[in-house]
Protein backbone atom coordinates (compact mmCIF):
# COMPACT_ATOMS: atom_id res chain seq x y z
CA MET A 1 -17.26 -18.75 15.66
CA ILE A 2 -17.07 -16.20 12.84
CA ASN A 3 -17.74 -16.30 9.10
CA ALA A 4 -14.94 -15.95 6.58
CA ILE A 5 -14.01 -16.46 2.95
CA LEU A 6 -11.35 -19.18 2.70
CA CYS A 7 -8.88 -20.02 -0.04
CA LYS A 8 -8.06 -23.71 0.52
CA ALA A 9 -5.93 -24.32 -2.58
CA PRO A 10 -4.66 -22.28 -5.55
CA GLY A 11 -7.55 -21.47 -7.85
CA LEU A 12 -9.98 -18.98 -9.29
CA PRO A 13 -12.53 -16.97 -7.29
CA SER A 14 -15.18 -19.65 -7.84
CA SER A 15 -13.12 -22.02 -5.68
CA LEU A 16 -13.29 -19.76 -2.60
CA VAL A 17 -15.43 -21.05 0.28
CA TYR A 18 -17.68 -19.17 2.70
CA GLN A 19 -17.70 -20.94 6.06
CA SER A 20 -17.52 -20.60 9.83
CA ILE A 21 -14.12 -20.68 11.53
CA SER A 22 -12.88 -20.16 15.08
CA ALA A 23 -12.74 -16.54 16.24
CA PRO A 24 -9.15 -15.22 16.58
CA SER A 25 -7.40 -14.48 19.86
CA PRO A 26 -4.81 -11.69 20.14
CA GLU A 27 -1.10 -12.18 20.72
CA ALA A 28 0.53 -9.71 23.12
CA ASN A 29 1.03 -6.95 20.50
CA GLU A 30 -2.17 -7.60 18.54
CA VAL A 31 -5.70 -6.26 18.55
CA ILE A 32 -8.84 -8.01 17.34
CA ILE A 33 -10.75 -6.00 14.75
CA GLN A 34 -14.41 -6.45 13.99
CA VAL A 35 -14.05 -5.95 10.25
CA LYS A 36 -16.51 -3.47 8.79
CA ALA A 37 -15.12 -3.24 5.26
CA CYS A 38 -12.42 -4.80 3.10
CA SER A 39 -11.62 -3.46 -0.34
CA ILE A 40 -10.50 -5.77 -3.13
CA CYS A 41 -7.02 -5.14 -4.56
CA PHE A 42 -5.44 -6.64 -7.67
CA PRO A 43 -2.90 -8.63 -5.59
CA ASP A 44 -5.86 -10.53 -4.09
CA THR A 45 -6.50 -12.05 -7.53
CA LEU A 46 -2.89 -13.24 -7.74
CA MET A 47 -2.64 -14.47 -4.16
CA ILE A 48 -5.57 -16.90 -4.43
CA GLN A 49 -3.94 -18.41 -7.54
CA GLY A 50 -0.57 -18.80 -5.83
CA LYS A 51 0.97 -16.27 -8.25
CA TYR A 52 1.84 -13.44 -5.86
CA GLN A 53 5.31 -12.72 -4.44
CA PHE A 54 4.04 -13.63 -0.97
CA LYS A 55 2.32 -17.02 -0.66
CA PRO A 56 0.33 -17.64 2.54
CA ASP A 57 -0.14 -21.15 3.85
CA PHE A 58 -3.50 -22.68 2.99
CA PRO A 59 -6.20 -22.20 4.06
CA PHE A 60 -6.23 -18.42 4.32
CA SER A 61 -8.63 -15.53 3.85
CA PRO A 62 -7.68 -13.01 1.15
CA GLY A 63 -8.17 -9.29 1.66
CA ARG A 64 -5.41 -6.73 2.33
CA GLU A 65 -7.06 -3.35 2.94
CA ILE A 66 -9.46 -3.16 5.88
CA SER A 67 -11.33 -0.95 8.29
CA GLY A 68 -13.19 -1.81 11.45
CA VAL A 69 -13.56 -1.49 15.22
CA ILE A 70 -11.20 -2.84 17.88
CA ILE A 71 -13.04 -5.33 20.10
CA ALA A 72 -10.13 -6.90 22.04
CA ARG A 73 -6.44 -6.29 22.59
CA GLY A 74 -3.34 -8.15 23.70
CA SER A 75 -1.46 -7.58 26.94
CA ALA A 76 1.24 -5.37 25.35
CA VAL A 77 -1.02 -3.13 23.28
CA ASP A 78 -0.54 0.51 24.24
CA LYS A 79 -1.67 2.44 21.15
CA TRP A 80 -5.33 1.46 20.97
CA LYS A 81 -8.33 0.92 23.17
CA ILE A 82 -11.49 -1.11 22.68
CA GLY A 83 -13.96 0.79 20.51
CA ASP A 84 -11.35 2.62 18.42
CA GLU A 85 -12.19 2.81 14.72
CA VAL A 86 -9.16 1.92 12.61
CA MET A 87 -7.96 1.14 9.10
CA GLY A 88 -4.88 -0.49 7.68
CA PHE A 89 -3.01 -2.44 5.01
CA ILE A 90 -2.31 -6.05 6.01
CA LYS A 91 -0.71 -9.12 4.42
CA TYR A 92 -3.99 -11.06 4.06
CA GLY A 93 -7.03 -12.12 6.09
CA GLY A 94 -9.42 -9.19 5.61
CA LEU A 95 -12.34 -11.18 4.21
CA ALA A 96 -13.45 -12.39 7.63
CA GLU A 97 -15.72 -10.97 10.30
CA GLN A 98 -12.81 -10.66 12.73
CA ILE A 99 -9.04 -10.57 12.37
CA ALA A 100 -6.01 -10.34 14.65
CA VAL A 101 -3.69 -7.51 13.56
CA ASP A 102 -0.43 -6.13 14.92
CA GLN A 103 -1.14 -2.75 16.49
CA GLU A 104 1.66 -1.08 14.52
CA VAL A 105 0.05 -1.48 11.08
CA LEU A 106 -3.12 0.42 11.93
CA PHE A 107 -4.18 4.04 11.52
CA ARG A 108 -7.03 5.87 13.16
CA LYS A 109 -10.06 6.25 10.93
CA SER A 110 -11.13 9.83 10.43
CA PHE A 111 -14.47 10.57 12.12
CA ASP A 112 -15.92 11.93 8.86
CA MET A 113 -14.89 8.86 6.83
CA ASP A 114 -17.21 5.88 6.40
CA PHE A 115 -15.80 2.37 6.73
CA ALA A 116 -15.95 1.59 3.00
CA THR A 117 -13.90 4.71 2.22
CA ALA A 118 -11.47 3.93 5.04
CA ALA A 119 -10.85 0.52 3.47
CA SER A 120 -10.00 2.18 0.15
CA ILE A 121 -7.27 4.62 1.18
CA VAL A 122 -4.08 3.03 2.46
CA TYR A 123 -3.13 0.62 -0.34
CA ALA A 124 -4.26 2.42 -3.50
CA TYR A 125 -3.30 5.93 -2.46
CA GLY A 126 -0.27 4.66 -0.55
CA THR A 127 1.08 2.93 -3.66
CA ALA A 128 0.38 5.85 -5.99
CA TYR A 129 1.81 8.45 -3.61
CA HIS A 130 4.96 6.45 -2.89
CA GLY A 131 5.53 6.17 -6.63
CA LEU A 132 4.93 9.82 -7.37
CA LYS A 133 6.74 11.23 -4.34
CA GLN A 134 9.69 8.97 -3.49
CA ARG A 135 10.31 7.15 -6.77
CA ALA A 136 9.51 9.82 -9.38
CA ASN A 137 9.96 13.04 -7.38
CA LEU A 138 7.05 14.49 -9.37
CA GLN A 139 7.30 18.29 -9.61
CA PRO A 140 4.64 20.98 -10.19
CA GLY A 141 4.23 21.71 -13.88
CA GLU A 142 5.46 18.31 -15.05
CA THR A 143 3.34 15.99 -17.16
CA LEU A 144 2.19 12.75 -15.56
CA THR A 145 0.76 9.99 -17.75
CA ILE A 146 -1.15 7.16 -16.06
CA LEU A 147 -1.96 3.83 -17.67
CA GLY A 148 -4.93 1.91 -16.29
CA ALA A 149 -6.03 5.25 -14.92
CA SER A 150 -9.57 4.21 -14.00
CA GLY A 151 -8.46 1.46 -11.61
CA GLY A 152 -7.91 1.88 -7.88
CA VAL A 153 -4.23 2.87 -8.01
CA GLY A 154 -4.66 4.67 -11.34
CA LEU A 155 -7.52 6.87 -10.17
CA ALA A 156 -5.66 7.59 -6.93
CA ALA A 157 -2.69 8.71 -9.07
CA VAL A 158 -4.96 11.01 -11.10
CA GLN A 159 -6.15 12.77 -7.95
CA LEU A 160 -2.72 12.85 -6.29
CA GLY A 161 -1.00 14.02 -9.48
CA LYS A 162 -3.32 17.01 -9.63
CA ALA A 163 -2.78 17.67 -5.91
CA MET A 164 0.98 17.71 -6.56
CA GLY A 165 0.62 20.28 -9.36
CA ALA A 166 1.13 18.05 -12.39
CA ARG A 167 -0.62 18.06 -15.73
CA VAL A 168 -2.33 14.65 -15.85
CA ILE A 169 -2.92 12.52 -18.94
CA ALA A 170 -5.13 9.55 -18.04
CA CYS A 171 -5.13 6.45 -20.25
CA ALA A 172 -7.86 3.81 -20.12
CA SER A 173 -9.50 1.13 -22.26
CA THR A 174 -13.07 2.44 -22.71
CA GLN A 175 -14.76 5.78 -23.14
CA GLY A 176 -16.65 5.31 -19.88
CA LYS A 177 -13.38 4.80 -18.00
CA CYS A 178 -11.89 7.87 -19.70
CA ASP A 179 -14.92 9.91 -18.67
CA LEU A 180 -14.47 8.82 -15.06
CA CYS A 181 -10.84 9.98 -15.17
CA LYS A 182 -11.96 13.36 -16.48
CA ASP A 183 -14.49 13.60 -13.65
CA ASN A 184 -11.63 12.99 -11.20
CA GLY A 185 -9.42 15.78 -12.51
CA ALA A 186 -7.52 14.44 -15.52
CA ASP A 187 -6.52 17.21 -17.93
CA GLU A 188 -6.42 14.93 -20.97
CA VAL A 189 -7.49 11.34 -21.67
CA ILE A 190 -6.34 8.68 -24.12
CA ASN A 191 -8.42 5.62 -25.02
CA TYR A 192 -5.57 3.25 -25.83
CA THR A 193 -7.82 0.66 -27.48
CA SER A 194 -8.80 3.14 -30.21
CA GLU A 195 -5.85 5.56 -30.23
CA ASP A 196 -2.11 5.10 -30.71
CA LEU A 197 -0.71 5.52 -27.19
CA LYS A 198 2.77 6.68 -28.18
CA VAL A 199 1.52 9.09 -30.84
CA ARG A 200 -1.14 10.63 -28.60
CA ILE A 201 1.25 11.17 -25.67
CA LYS A 202 3.68 12.90 -28.01
CA GLU A 203 0.87 15.02 -29.50
CA LEU A 204 -0.39 16.07 -26.06
CA THR A 205 3.12 17.05 -24.93
CA ASN A 206 4.12 18.99 -28.06
CA GLY A 207 6.53 16.24 -29.02
CA GLN A 208 8.43 16.36 -25.72
CA GLY A 209 7.04 13.22 -24.14
CA SER A 210 5.78 12.67 -20.60
CA ASN A 211 7.99 13.45 -17.59
CA VAL A 212 6.51 10.66 -15.47
CA ILE A 213 4.58 7.57 -16.55
CA LEU A 214 2.83 5.40 -13.96
CA ASP A 215 2.06 1.88 -15.19
CA PRO A 216 -0.04 -0.66 -13.27
CA VAL A 217 -0.91 -2.50 -16.50
CA GLY A 218 2.20 -3.85 -18.22
CA GLY A 219 1.67 -5.96 -21.32
CA THR A 220 1.82 -4.48 -24.80
CA TYR A 221 1.37 -0.87 -23.70
CA THR A 222 4.61 -0.63 -21.72
CA GLU A 223 7.02 -0.29 -24.63
CA GLN A 224 4.76 2.20 -26.40
CA ALA A 225 4.64 4.34 -23.27
CA ILE A 226 8.39 4.20 -22.65
CA ARG A 227 8.92 5.38 -26.23
CA ALA A 228 6.81 8.42 -25.30
CA THR A 229 8.87 9.27 -22.22
CA ALA A 230 10.55 12.68 -22.09
CA TRP A 231 14.30 13.17 -21.74
CA GLU A 232 15.20 12.25 -18.14
CA GLY A 233 11.70 10.90 -17.67
CA ARG A 234 10.73 8.48 -14.91
CA TYR A 235 8.82 5.29 -15.63
CA LEU A 236 7.05 3.72 -12.63
CA VAL A 237 6.39 -0.02 -12.66
CA ILE A 238 3.38 -0.68 -10.40
CA GLY A 239 2.18 -4.07 -11.59
CA PHE A 240 0.98 -6.20 -14.47
CA ALA A 241 -2.80 -6.14 -14.56
CA ALA A 242 -2.73 -7.10 -18.24
CA GLY A 243 -1.29 -10.46 -17.16
CA GLU A 244 1.96 -10.11 -19.10
CA ILE A 245 5.31 -8.96 -17.73
CA PRO A 246 6.83 -7.03 -20.65
CA ALA A 247 10.40 -7.38 -21.93
CA ILE A 248 11.84 -3.88 -22.28
CA PRO A 249 14.51 -3.07 -24.90
CA LEU A 250 17.27 -1.48 -22.83
CA ASN A 251 18.26 0.86 -25.62
CA LEU A 252 15.14 2.89 -24.80
CA PRO A 253 16.21 4.10 -21.33
CA LEU A 254 19.67 4.66 -22.83
CA LEU A 255 18.36 6.94 -25.59
CA LYS A 256 15.81 8.67 -23.35
CA GLY A 257 18.15 9.15 -20.40
CA CYS A 258 15.18 7.92 -18.39
CA THR A 259 14.86 5.77 -15.29
CA ILE A 260 12.63 2.75 -14.75
CA SER A 261 11.68 2.38 -11.09
CA GLY A 262 9.76 -0.30 -9.23
CA VAL A 263 7.02 0.75 -6.80
CA PHE A 264 6.38 -1.95 -4.18
CA LEU A 265 4.44 -0.65 -1.19
CA SER A 266 5.00 -3.66 1.09
CA ARG A 267 8.80 -3.41 0.83
CA PHE A 268 8.67 0.37 1.19
CA ILE A 269 6.74 -0.03 4.45
CA THR A 270 9.42 -2.40 5.77
CA GLU A 271 12.49 -0.52 4.58
CA GLN A 272 11.40 3.12 5.02
CA ARG A 273 8.72 3.06 7.68
CA ASP A 274 9.09 6.69 8.76
CA ALA A 275 8.65 7.88 5.17
CA TYR A 276 5.62 5.61 4.81
CA LEU A 277 4.02 7.06 7.95
CA GLU A 278 4.62 10.58 6.63
CA ASN A 279 3.00 9.60 3.35
CA VAL A 280 -0.13 8.34 5.12
CA GLN A 281 -0.32 11.59 7.07
CA ASP A 282 -0.13 13.54 3.79
CA ILE A 283 -2.84 11.37 2.23
CA MET A 284 -5.16 11.83 5.21
CA GLN A 285 -4.57 15.58 5.03
CA PHE A 286 -5.46 15.55 1.32
CA TYR A 287 -8.68 13.71 2.23
CA SER A 288 -9.59 16.11 5.01
CA GLN A 289 -9.16 18.99 2.53
CA ASN A 290 -11.43 17.26 -0.04
CA ILE A 291 -8.52 17.04 -2.48
CA ILE A 292 -8.82 13.26 -2.84
CA ASN A 293 -11.75 10.89 -2.45
CA PRO A 294 -11.93 7.21 -3.47
CA HIS A 295 -14.45 6.33 -6.15
CA ILE A 296 -16.27 3.24 -4.89
CA GLU A 297 -18.07 1.64 -7.81
CA HIS A 298 -19.83 -1.17 -5.97
CA THR A 299 -20.11 -2.86 -2.58
CA TYR A 300 -20.59 -6.57 -1.88
CA ALA A 301 -21.64 -8.71 1.07
CA LEU A 302 -19.01 -11.03 2.55
CA VAL A 303 -20.64 -14.10 1.05
CA ASP A 304 -20.38 -12.48 -2.40
CA SER A 305 -16.65 -11.76 -2.14
CA PRO A 306 -15.78 -14.28 -4.90
CA ARG A 307 -17.84 -12.20 -7.35
CA ALA A 308 -15.94 -9.08 -6.29
CA ILE A 309 -12.57 -10.75 -6.82
CA GLU A 310 -13.73 -12.08 -10.19
CA ALA A 311 -14.72 -8.57 -11.28
CA MET A 312 -11.24 -7.34 -10.33
CA MET A 313 -9.64 -10.22 -12.22
CA ASN A 314 -11.70 -9.43 -15.33
CA ARG A 315 -10.58 -5.77 -15.22
CA THR A 316 -14.15 -4.47 -15.32
CA VAL A 317 -13.78 -2.41 -12.13
CA LYS A 318 -13.65 1.38 -12.17
CA GLY A 319 -12.11 2.80 -9.00
CA LYS A 320 -12.59 0.60 -5.95
CA ILE A 321 -14.92 -2.24 -5.00
CA VAL A 322 -15.49 -3.00 -1.33
CA VAL A 323 -16.83 -5.91 0.70
CA VAL A 324 -18.97 -4.46 3.50
CA LEU A 325 -19.63 -6.57 6.58
């Protein structure tokens, strides 16, 4: 038997249950991972409420970004051996002491990377890098504006944007969050609860607007930001952490000559796997060169996972939060 956090019906984090379940057994192409860490991602908050694009059957354990040690393997596994330290992005199930995972979704954990950090790399940095590289084709010298810049994906985009040679404007909702963005390399910051987002972007770009805008927030800020997009700018739709999917006046991309592109890591992994693998290699190289490093604000025990998910839902998290087993 192992311990796990279970979601038994759609609901809020307080409805999640900590209990013992049967230990998993591997299928032919699977390994069993002793989970050491699982970071909390915004989709976890949607999945437990039945609001995410992918809806697991109940009961299930949330948790999509994990690291751990392989303790068993199926008969067809040829990439891994028992004792290997790995990390990966999975559909769900990470908030459990053990999990069965297809061998193909895993990456080797760097020897100099702790498990909490390893559980904070693939999803946040993978999403941000896919957006900046494949969807926006961000170029050195361009201006990148990031909404929700102190969150997991946002802060990853700050670091990656600088690594790619961009001038980074980080936008966040409190002064403390803005300060964190500055500490992680942002050239300029905008507190969009006390400043006019459109006006400030225009001021900071000498009236030209931002070449690329990365938006994990949605809500009321989206239209303001699109109005501050440069000619032939690229607007990246990451998600809707504000809870509202905005309606966009289509005359704006017409007048701006700009593109609005969706950034959906799960579909990218399926449709362009080779490009995804190259992206992860780039990200690991950035880490090894100390160019990027996840900011982990807080760690939780497995039994306290509902509190971690609630903090993510309430948008009080700066950087990443991680459940450590």
